[in-house]
C-alpha atoms as a PDB file:
ATOM      1  CA  UNK A   1      39.079 -42.192 -24.064  1.00  0.00           C
ATOM      2  CA  UNK A   2      35.830 -43.784 -22.969  1.00  0.00           C
ATOM      3  CA  UNK A   3      33.738 -41.923 -20.401  1.00  0.00           C
ATOM      4  CA  UNK A   4      33.246 -43.700 -17.075  1.00  0.00           C
ATOM      5  CA  UNK A   5      31.078 -46.707 -17.339  1.00  0.00           C
ATOM      6  CA  UNK A   6      28.465 -45.659 -15.113  1.00  0.00           C
ATOM      7  CA  UNK A   7       7.404 -49.872 -40.625  1.00  0.00           C
ATOM      8  CA  UNK A   8       8.570 -48.214 -43.784  1.00  0.00           C
ATOM      9  CA  UNK A   9       7.611 -51.677 -45.044  1.00  0.00           C
ATOM     10  CA  UNK A  10       9.453 -51.557 -48.320  1.00  0.00           C
ATOM     11  CA  UNK A  11      11.646 -54.375 -49.523  1.00  0.00           C
ATOM     12  CA  UNK A  12      14.665 -52.055 -49.406  1.00  0.00           C
ATOM     13  CA  UNK A  13      14.312 -51.519 -45.670  1.00  0.00           C
ATOM     14  CA  UNK A  14      13.972 -55.208 -44.936  1.00  0.00           C
ATOM     15  CA  UNK A  15      16.999 -56.010 -47.052  1.00  0.00           C
ATOM     16  CA  UNK A  16      18.905 -53.296 -45.212  1.00  0.00           C
ATOM     17  CA  UNK A  17      18.013 -54.946 -41.924  1.00  0.00           C
ATOM     18  CA  UNK A  18      19.440 -58.193 -43.240  1.00  0.00           C
ATOM     19  CA  UNK A  19      22.588 -56.520 -44.472  1.00  0.00           C
ATOM     20  CA  UNK A  20      23.168 -54.823 -41.130  1.00  0.00           C
ATOM     21  CA  UNK A  21      22.689 -58.112 -39.302  1.00  0.00           C
ATOM     22  CA  UNK A  22      25.048 -59.976 -41.585  1.00  0.00           C
ATOM     23  CA  UNK A  23      27.714 -57.333 -41.309  1.00  0.00           C
ATOM     24  CA  UNK A  24      27.597 -56.845 -37.554  1.00  0.00           C
ATOM     25  CA  UNK A  25      26.108 -59.827 -35.842  1.00  0.00           C
ATOM     26  CA  UNK A  26      28.364 -62.411 -34.296  1.00  0.00           C
ATOM     27  CA  UNK A  27      27.846 -64.543 -31.245  1.00  0.00           C
ATOM     28  CA  UNK A  28      28.537 -62.505 -28.199  1.00  0.00           C
ATOM     29  CA  UNK A  29      27.278 -64.708 -25.433  1.00  0.00           C
ATOM     30  CA  UNK A  30      29.433 -66.011 -22.626  1.00  0.00           C
ATOM     31  CA  UNK A  31      28.142 -69.014 -20.765  1.00  0.00           C
ATOM     32  CA  UNK A  32      27.263 -68.138 -17.158  1.00  0.00           C
ATOM     33  CA  UNK A  33      29.977 -69.352 -14.829  1.00  0.00           C
ATOM     34  CA  UNK A  34      29.259 -72.769 -13.353  1.00  0.00           C
ATOM     35  CA  UNK A  35      32.250 -74.027 -11.436  1.00  0.00           C
ATOM     36  CA  UNK A  36      30.590 -77.392 -10.841  1.00  0.00           C
ATOM     37  CA  UNK A  37      30.249 -78.110 -14.555  1.00  0.00           C
ATOM     38  CA  UNK A  38      33.278 -80.031 -15.898  1.00  0.00           C
ATOM     39  CA  UNK A  39      32.569 -78.682 -19.391  1.00  0.00           C
ATOM     40  CA  UNK A  40      32.674 -75.035 -18.306  1.00  0.00           C
ATOM     41  CA  UNK A  41      36.424 -74.477 -18.874  1.00  0.00           C
ATOM     42  CA  UNK A  42      36.279 -76.075 -22.329  1.00  0.00           C
ATOM     43  CA  UNK A  43      33.216 -74.027 -23.242  1.00  0.00           C
ATOM     44  CA  UNK A  44      34.922 -70.791 -22.237  1.00  0.00           C
ATOM     45  CA  UNK A  45      38.111 -71.733 -24.092  1.00  0.00           C
ATOM     46  CA  UNK A  46      36.121 -72.515 -27.228  1.00  0.00           C
ATOM     47  CA  UNK A  47      34.258 -69.221 -26.929  1.00  0.00           C
ATOM     48  CA  UNK A  48      37.461 -67.242 -26.654  1.00  0.00           C
ATOM     49  CA  UNK A  49      39.093 -68.846 -29.687  1.00  0.00           C
ATOM     50  CA  UNK A  50      36.138 -70.126 -31.727  1.00  0.00           C
ATOM     51  CA  UNK A  51      38.139 -73.316 -32.211  1.00  0.00           C
ATOM     52  CA  UNK A  52      36.133 -75.599 -34.558  1.00  0.00           C
ATOM     53  CA  UNK A  53      37.432 -78.902 -33.179  1.00  0.00           C
ATOM     54  CA  UNK A  54      36.744 -77.857 -29.595  1.00  0.00           C
ATOM     55  CA  UNK A  55      33.267 -76.711 -30.552  1.00  0.00           C
ATOM     56  CA  UNK A  56      32.411 -79.945 -32.353  1.00  0.00           C
ATOM     57  CA  UNK A  57      33.609 -81.968 -29.375  1.00  0.00           C
ATOM     58  CA  UNK A  58      31.525 -79.871 -26.992  1.00  0.00           C
ATOM     59  CA  UNK A  59      28.526 -80.196 -29.278  1.00  0.00           C
ATOM     60  CA  UNK A  60      28.716 -83.995 -29.165  1.00  0.00           C
ATOM     61  CA  UNK A  61      29.107 -84.031 -25.386  1.00  0.00           C
ATOM     62  CA  UNK A  62      26.213 -81.645 -24.827  1.00  0.00           C
ATOM     63  CA  UNK A  63      23.941 -83.547 -27.211  1.00  0.00           C
ATOM     64  CA  UNK A  64      24.699 -86.711 -25.248  1.00  0.00           C
ATOM     65  CA  UNK A  65      24.106 -84.964 -21.942  1.00  0.00           C
ATOM     66  CA  UNK A  66      20.790 -83.531 -23.159  1.00  0.00           C
ATOM     67  CA  UNK A  67      19.715 -86.996 -24.313  1.00  0.00           C
ATOM     68  CA  UNK A  68      20.601 -88.554 -20.971  1.00  0.00           C
ATOM     69  CA  UNK A  69      18.984 -85.757 -18.941  1.00  0.00           C
ATOM     70  CA  UNK A  70      15.992 -84.567 -20.984  1.00  0.00           C
ATOM     71  CA  UNK A  71      14.655 -82.364 -18.181  1.00  0.00           C
ATOM     72  CA  UNK A  72      17.892 -80.426 -17.658  1.00  0.00           C
ATOM     73  CA  UNK A  73      17.572 -76.945 -19.179  1.00  0.00           C
ATOM     74  CA  UNK A  74      21.281 -76.105 -18.961  1.00  0.00           C
ATOM     75  CA  UNK A  75      22.365 -78.647 -21.577  1.00  0.00           C
ATOM     76  CA  UNK A  76      20.213 -77.394 -24.469  1.00  0.00           C
ATOM     77  CA  UNK A  77      21.079 -73.806 -23.497  1.00  0.00           C
ATOM     78  CA  UNK A  78      24.804 -74.518 -23.684  1.00  0.00           C
ATOM     79  CA  UNK A  79      24.269 -76.492 -26.870  1.00  0.00           C
ATOM     80  CA  UNK A  80      22.617 -73.389 -28.338  1.00  0.00           C
ATOM     81  CA  UNK A  81      25.681 -71.370 -27.314  1.00  0.00           C
ATOM     82  CA  UNK A  82      27.980 -73.824 -29.068  1.00  0.00           C
ATOM     83  CA  UNK A  83      25.829 -73.736 -32.203  1.00  0.00           C
ATOM     84  CA  UNK A  84      25.986 -69.924 -32.170  1.00  0.00           C
ATOM     85  CA  UNK A  85      29.782 -70.097 -32.068  1.00  0.00           C
ATOM     86  CA  UNK A  86      29.715 -72.577 -34.950  1.00  0.00           C
ATOM     87  CA  UNK A  87      27.717 -69.992 -36.918  1.00  0.00           C
ATOM     88  CA  UNK A  88      30.696 -67.658 -36.479  1.00  0.00           C
ATOM     89  CA  UNK A  89      33.088 -70.330 -37.708  1.00  0.00           C
ATOM     90  CA  UNK A  90      30.949 -71.047 -40.768  1.00  0.00           C
ATOM     91  CA  UNK A  91      30.604 -67.350 -41.574  1.00  0.00           C
ATOM     92  CA  UNK A  92      34.369 -66.848 -41.300  1.00  0.00           C
ATOM     93  CA  UNK A  93      34.707 -69.611 -43.897  1.00  0.00           C
ATOM     94  CA  UNK A  94      31.986 -68.001 -46.024  1.00  0.00           C
ATOM     95  CA  UNK A  95      29.948 -71.217 -45.729  1.00  0.00           C
ATOM     96  CA  UNK A  96      26.450 -69.788 -45.589  1.00  0.00           C
ATOM     97  CA  UNK A  97      24.731 -73.173 -45.770  1.00  0.00           C
ATOM     98  CA  UNK A  98      26.593 -74.434 -42.697  1.00  0.00           C
ATOM     99  CA  UNK A  99      25.947 -71.161 -40.883  1.00  0.00           C
ATOM    100  CA  UNK A 100      22.196 -71.388 -41.469  1.00  0.00           C
ATOM    101  CA  UNK A 101      22.146 -75.041 -40.366  1.00  0.00           C
ATOM    102  CA  UNK A 102      23.999 -74.249 -37.124  1.00  0.00           C
ATOM    103  CA  UNK A 103      21.771 -71.237 -36.491  1.00  0.00           C
ATOM    104  CA  UNK A 104      18.577 -73.245 -36.888  1.00  0.00           C
ATOM    105  CA  UNK A 105      19.919 -75.923 -34.542  1.00  0.00           C
ATOM    106  CA  UNK A 106      20.849 -73.242 -32.036  1.00  0.00           C
ATOM    107  CA  UNK A 107      17.368 -71.741 -32.114  1.00  0.00           C
ATOM    108  CA  UNK A 108      15.799 -75.177 -31.679  1.00  0.00           C
ATOM    109  CA  UNK A 109      18.070 -75.984 -28.715  1.00  0.00           C
ATOM    110  CA  UNK A 110      17.460 -72.654 -26.995  1.00  0.00           C
ATOM    111  CA  UNK A 111      13.709 -72.915 -27.481  1.00  0.00           C
ATOM    112  CA  UNK A 112      13.927 -76.317 -25.790  1.00  0.00           C
ATOM    113  CA  UNK A 113      15.875 -74.779 -22.892  1.00  0.00           C
ATOM    114  CA  UNK A 114      13.181 -72.121 -22.450  1.00  0.00           C
ATOM    115  CA  UNK A 115      10.457 -74.760 -22.520  1.00  0.00           C
ATOM    116  CA  UNK A 116      12.249 -76.420 -19.602  1.00  0.00           C
ATOM    117  CA  UNK A 117      13.008 -73.173 -17.749  1.00  0.00           C
ATOM    118  CA  UNK A 118      11.093 -70.105 -18.883  1.00  0.00           C
ATOM    119  CA  UNK A 119      12.683 -67.946 -16.188  1.00  0.00           C
ATOM    120  CA  UNK A 120      16.218 -68.002 -17.581  1.00  0.00           C
ATOM    121  CA  UNK A 121      17.115 -64.451 -18.628  1.00  0.00           C
ATOM    122  CA  UNK A 122      20.257 -65.784 -20.315  1.00  0.00           C
ATOM    123  CA  UNK A 123      18.267 -68.164 -22.491  1.00  0.00           C
ATOM    124  CA  UNK A 124      15.820 -65.451 -23.550  1.00  0.00           C
ATOM    125  CA  UNK A 125      18.653 -63.046 -24.382  1.00  0.00           C
ATOM    126  CA  UNK A 126      20.456 -65.701 -26.386  1.00  0.00           C
ATOM    127  CA  UNK A 127      17.271 -66.456 -28.314  1.00  0.00           C
ATOM    128  CA  UNK A 128      16.931 -62.737 -29.106  1.00  0.00           C
ATOM    129  CA  UNK A 129      20.451 -62.769 -30.541  1.00  0.00           C
ATOM    130  CA  UNK A 130      19.772 -65.915 -32.556  1.00  0.00           C
ATOM    131  CA  UNK A 131      16.577 -64.441 -34.011  1.00  0.00           C
ATOM    132  CA  UNK A 132      18.543 -61.323 -34.897  1.00  0.00           C
ATOM    133  CA  UNK A 133      21.039 -63.391 -36.828  1.00  0.00           C
ATOM    134  CA  UNK A 134      18.208 -65.101 -38.655  1.00  0.00           C
ATOM    135  CA  UNK A 135      17.346 -61.775 -40.285  1.00  0.00           C
ATOM    136  CA  UNK A 136      20.735 -61.597 -41.951  1.00  0.00           C
ATOM    137  CA  UNK A 137      21.350 -65.244 -42.764  1.00  0.00           C
ATOM    138  CA  UNK A 138      19.106 -66.148 -45.659  1.00  0.00           C
ATOM    139  CA  UNK A 139      15.887 -65.035 -44.071  1.00  0.00           C
ATOM    140  CA  UNK A 140      14.757 -63.248 -47.215  1.00  0.00           C
ATOM    141  CA  UNK A 141      12.723 -60.077 -47.503  1.00  0.00           C
ATOM    142  CA  UNK A 142      10.190 -61.214 -44.893  1.00  0.00           C
ATOM    143  CA  UNK A 143      12.789 -62.041 -42.218  1.00  0.00           C
ATOM    144  CA  UNK A 144      12.678 -58.539 -40.737  1.00  0.00           C
ATOM    145  CA  UNK A 145       8.956 -58.421 -39.986  1.00  0.00           C
ATOM    146  CA  UNK A 146       8.974 -62.067 -38.927  1.00  0.00           C
ATOM    147  CA  UNK A 147      11.937 -62.123 -36.559  1.00  0.00           C
ATOM    148  CA  UNK A 148      12.358 -58.461 -35.615  1.00  0.00           C
ATOM    149  CA  UNK A 149       9.404 -58.451 -33.198  1.00  0.00           C
ATOM    150  CA  UNK A 150      10.632 -61.730 -31.696  1.00  0.00           C
ATOM    151  CA  UNK A 151      13.985 -60.131 -30.913  1.00  0.00           C
ATOM    152  CA  UNK A 152      12.212 -57.354 -29.020  1.00  0.00           C
ATOM    153  CA  UNK A 153       9.914 -59.759 -27.199  1.00  0.00           C
ATOM    154  CA  UNK A 154      12.750 -61.976 -25.992  1.00  0.00           C
ATOM    155  CA  UNK A 155      14.873 -59.044 -24.832  1.00  0.00           C
ATOM    156  CA  UNK A 156      11.902 -57.494 -23.048  1.00  0.00           C
ATOM    157  CA  UNK A 157      11.259 -60.789 -21.262  1.00  0.00           C
ATOM    158  CA  UNK A 158      14.933 -61.072 -20.307  1.00  0.00           C
ATOM    159  CA  UNK A 159      15.010 -57.571 -18.803  1.00  0.00           C
ATOM    160  CA  UNK A 160      11.863 -58.333 -16.814  1.00  0.00           C
ATOM    161  CA  UNK A 161      13.452 -61.492 -15.449  1.00  0.00           C
ATOM    162  CA  UNK A 162      16.845 -60.045 -14.513  1.00  0.00           C
ATOM    163  CA  UNK A 163      17.624 -56.398 -15.150  1.00  0.00           C
ATOM    164  CA  UNK A 164      21.019 -56.757 -13.471  1.00  0.00           C
ATOM    165  CA  UNK A 165      22.223 -59.440 -15.875  1.00  0.00           C
ATOM    166  CA  UNK A 166      25.005 -58.056 -18.109  1.00  0.00           C
ATOM    167  CA  UNK A 167      24.078 -60.401 -20.972  1.00  0.00           C
ATOM    168  CA  UNK A 168      20.583 -58.939 -21.021  1.00  0.00           C
ATOM    169  CA  UNK A 169      21.854 -55.418 -21.639  1.00  0.00           C
ATOM    170  CA  UNK A 170      24.442 -56.560 -24.183  1.00  0.00           C
ATOM    171  CA  UNK A 171      21.723 -58.279 -26.197  1.00  0.00           C
ATOM    172  CA  UNK A 172      19.488 -55.220 -25.900  1.00  0.00           C
ATOM    173  CA  UNK A 173      22.348 -53.102 -27.206  1.00  0.00           C
ATOM    174  CA  UNK A 174      22.743 -55.356 -30.227  1.00  0.00           C
ATOM    175  CA  UNK A 175      19.032 -54.998 -30.922  1.00  0.00           C
ATOM    176  CA  UNK A 176      19.305 -51.202 -30.990  1.00  0.00           C
ATOM    177  CA  UNK A 177      22.504 -51.273 -33.040  1.00  0.00           C
ATOM    178  CA  UNK A 178      21.336 -53.714 -35.690  1.00  0.00           C
ATOM    179  CA  UNK A 179      17.810 -52.536 -36.331  1.00  0.00           C
ATOM    180  CA  UNK A 180      17.141 -49.923 -39.017  1.00  0.00           C
ATOM    181  CA  UNK A 181      16.002 -46.593 -37.598  1.00  0.00           C
ATOM    182  CA  UNK A 182      12.472 -47.179 -38.926  1.00  0.00           C
ATOM    183  CA  UNK A 183      12.292 -50.271 -36.680  1.00  0.00           C
ATOM    184  CA  UNK A 184      13.651 -48.708 -33.502  1.00  0.00           C
ATOM    185  CA  UNK A 185      17.347 -48.729 -34.274  1.00  0.00           C
ATOM    186  CA  UNK A 186      19.210 -46.206 -32.151  1.00  0.00           C
ATOM    187  CA  UNK A 187      23.002 -46.168 -31.917  1.00  0.00           C
ATOM    188  CA  UNK A 188      23.054 -43.882 -28.881  1.00  0.00           C
ATOM    189  CA  UNK A 189      20.749 -46.244 -26.982  1.00  0.00           C
ATOM    190  CA  UNK A 190      22.901 -49.160 -28.109  1.00  0.00           C
ATOM    191  CA  UNK A 191      25.965 -47.484 -26.598  1.00  0.00           C
ATOM    192  CA  UNK A 192      24.078 -46.824 -23.357  1.00  0.00           C
ATOM    193  CA  UNK A 193      23.026 -50.477 -23.189  1.00  0.00           C
ATOM    194  CA  UNK A 194      26.547 -51.763 -23.831  1.00  0.00           C
ATOM    195  CA  UNK A 195      27.915 -49.432 -21.153  1.00  0.00           C
ATOM    196  CA  UNK A 196      25.297 -50.654 -18.697  1.00  0.00           C
ATOM    197  CA  UNK A 197      26.294 -54.241 -19.473  1.00  0.00           C
ATOM    198  CA  UNK A 198      29.973 -53.428 -18.944  1.00  0.00           C
ATOM    199  CA  UNK A 199      29.219 -51.618 -15.693  1.00  0.00           C
ATOM    200  CA  UNK A 200      27.716 -54.869 -14.450  1.00  0.00           C
ATOM    201  CA  UNK A 201      30.617 -56.946 -15.781  1.00  0.00           C
ATOM    202  CA  UNK A 202      33.626 -55.133 -17.303  1.00  0.00           C
ATOM    203  CA  UNK A 203      35.320 -58.423 -18.240  1.00  0.00           C
ATOM    204  CA  UNK A 204      33.132 -59.167 -21.267  1.00  0.00           C
ATOM    205  CA  UNK A 205      35.577 -58.921 -24.152  1.00  0.00           C
ATOM    206  CA  UNK A 206      32.877 -59.375 -26.787  1.00  0.00           C
ATOM    207  CA  UNK A 207      30.685 -56.620 -25.383  1.00  0.00           C
ATOM    208  CA  UNK A 208      33.677 -54.269 -25.634  1.00  0.00           C
ATOM    209  CA  UNK A 209      33.861 -55.220 -29.318  1.00  0.00           C
ATOM    210  CA  UNK A 210      30.189 -54.379 -29.753  1.00  0.00           C
ATOM    211  CA  UNK A 211      30.695 -51.060 -28.016  1.00  0.00           C
ATOM    212  CA  UNK A 212      33.534 -50.346 -30.442  1.00  0.00           C
ATOM    213  CA  UNK A 213      31.265 -51.139 -33.394  1.00  0.00           C
ATOM    214  CA  UNK A 214      28.647 -48.764 -32.062  1.00  0.00           C
ATOM    215  CA  UNK A 215      31.201 -45.984 -31.679  1.00  0.00           C
ATOM    216  CA  UNK A 216      32.512 -46.693 -35.165  1.00  0.00           C
ATOM    217  CA  UNK A 217      28.974 -46.347 -36.509  1.00  0.00           C
ATOM    218  CA  UNK A 218      28.967 -42.871 -34.970  1.00  0.00           C
ATOM    219  CA  UNK A 219      32.331 -42.156 -36.657  1.00  0.00           C
ATOM    220  CA  UNK A 220      33.928 -41.935 -33.204  1.00  0.00           C
ATOM    221  CA  UNK A 221      37.142 -43.839 -33.895  1.00  0.00           C
ATOM    222  CA  UNK A 222      38.883 -42.623 -30.735  1.00  0.00           C
ATOM    223  CA  UNK A 223      36.422 -44.307 -28.390  1.00  0.00           C
ATOM    224  CA  UNK A 224      36.086 -47.242 -30.779  1.00  0.00           C
ATOM    225  CA  UNK A 225      39.833 -47.919 -30.648  1.00  0.00           C
ATOM    226  CA  UNK A 226      39.808 -47.579 -26.867  1.00  0.00           C
ATOM    227  CA  UNK A 227      37.005 -50.137 -26.582  1.00  0.00           C
ATOM    228  CA  UNK A 228      38.863 -52.554 -28.871  1.00  0.00           C
ATOM    229  CA  UNK A 229      41.983 -52.231 -26.729  1.00  0.00           C
ATOM    230  CA  UNK A 230      39.902 -53.244 -23.708  1.00  0.00           C
ATOM    231  CA  UNK A 231      38.653 -56.277 -25.643  1.00  0.00           C
ATOM    232  CA  UNK A 232      42.121 -57.331 -26.756  1.00  0.00           C
ATOM    233  CA  UNK A 233      43.519 -56.931 -23.264  1.00  0.00           C
ATOM    234  CA  UNK A 234      40.837 -59.288 -21.991  1.00  0.00           C
ATOM    235  CA  UNK A 235      41.127 -61.747 -24.885  1.00  0.00           C
ATOM    236  CA  UNK A 236      44.061 -61.320 -27.291  1.00  0.00           C
ATOM    237  CA  UNK A 237      42.847 -64.399 -29.211  1.00  0.00           C
ATOM    238  CA  UNK A 238      39.424 -62.937 -29.966  1.00  0.00           C
ATOM    239  CA  UNK A 239      38.739 -63.215 -33.711  1.00  0.00           C
ATOM    240  CA  UNK A 240      36.061 -60.530 -33.553  1.00  0.00           C
ATOM    241  CA  UNK A 241      38.318 -58.073 -31.694  1.00  0.00           C
ATOM    242  CA  UNK A 242      41.166 -58.693 -34.104  1.00  0.00           C
ATOM    243  CA  UNK A 243      38.884 -58.153 -37.098  1.00  0.00           C
ATOM    244  CA  UNK A 244      37.386 -54.993 -35.615  1.00  0.00           C
ATOM    245  CA  UNK A 245      40.845 -53.648 -34.844  1.00  0.00           C
ATOM    246  CA  UNK A 246      41.906 -54.105 -38.470  1.00  0.00           C
ATOM    247  CA  UNK A 247      38.722 -52.414 -39.659  1.00  0.00           C
ATOM    248  CA  UNK A 248      39.440 -49.346 -37.528  1.00  0.00           C
ATOM    249  CA  UNK A 249      42.887 -48.956 -39.033  1.00  0.00           C
ATOM    250  CA  UNK A 250      41.601 -48.734 -42.605  1.00  0.00           C
END
């Protein structure tokens, strides 16, 4: 059971970084609750299921909203979230071209959100995650040295802005988990970061999945299975939790 929540610069290393990203990285961001936003329920439903039709509808609505309110930072941020979920959909279909296109659009949208509001810890953490995915999705041998430092910079900025934000620590955990050891990767620190995130908000089903992946990397299947059960209890429809559960039974 889980305890209480309380540059080798060789081409091989860079390719390893990409392989780790591709194998582990999936969107793990939950939109901050905004009860006054009529799109919030649909955005959460689409996150939970990664439903392509819901996501495309939300994308169109958010693009329209951003066009009508060009100074509103929340619309491009949420658009970046939707694009990150569409990356997951494309990857599940093994459509790398579509995944890269959605990822680039997500980065562009989130960068726009940060231009409008540089003090959003959520936006900086999301951008860190998106840069991390760029390493694995067709970034080539130079993606690691190009985007790796950006991941660290965005996460560092997010922590400075709001160290009590659970998304900040979840993103930091993914950074530690995904990076090769030569670039600061540290599974134990990843687990600590995920636990800190879950202490702040234990209802994050996707962070439970990430914690399970970290435990699995340590060959600790007992705690990994326990974390997956938490995720499935919170979101039985979660594609990532279902996939991770199957992986643990192999």
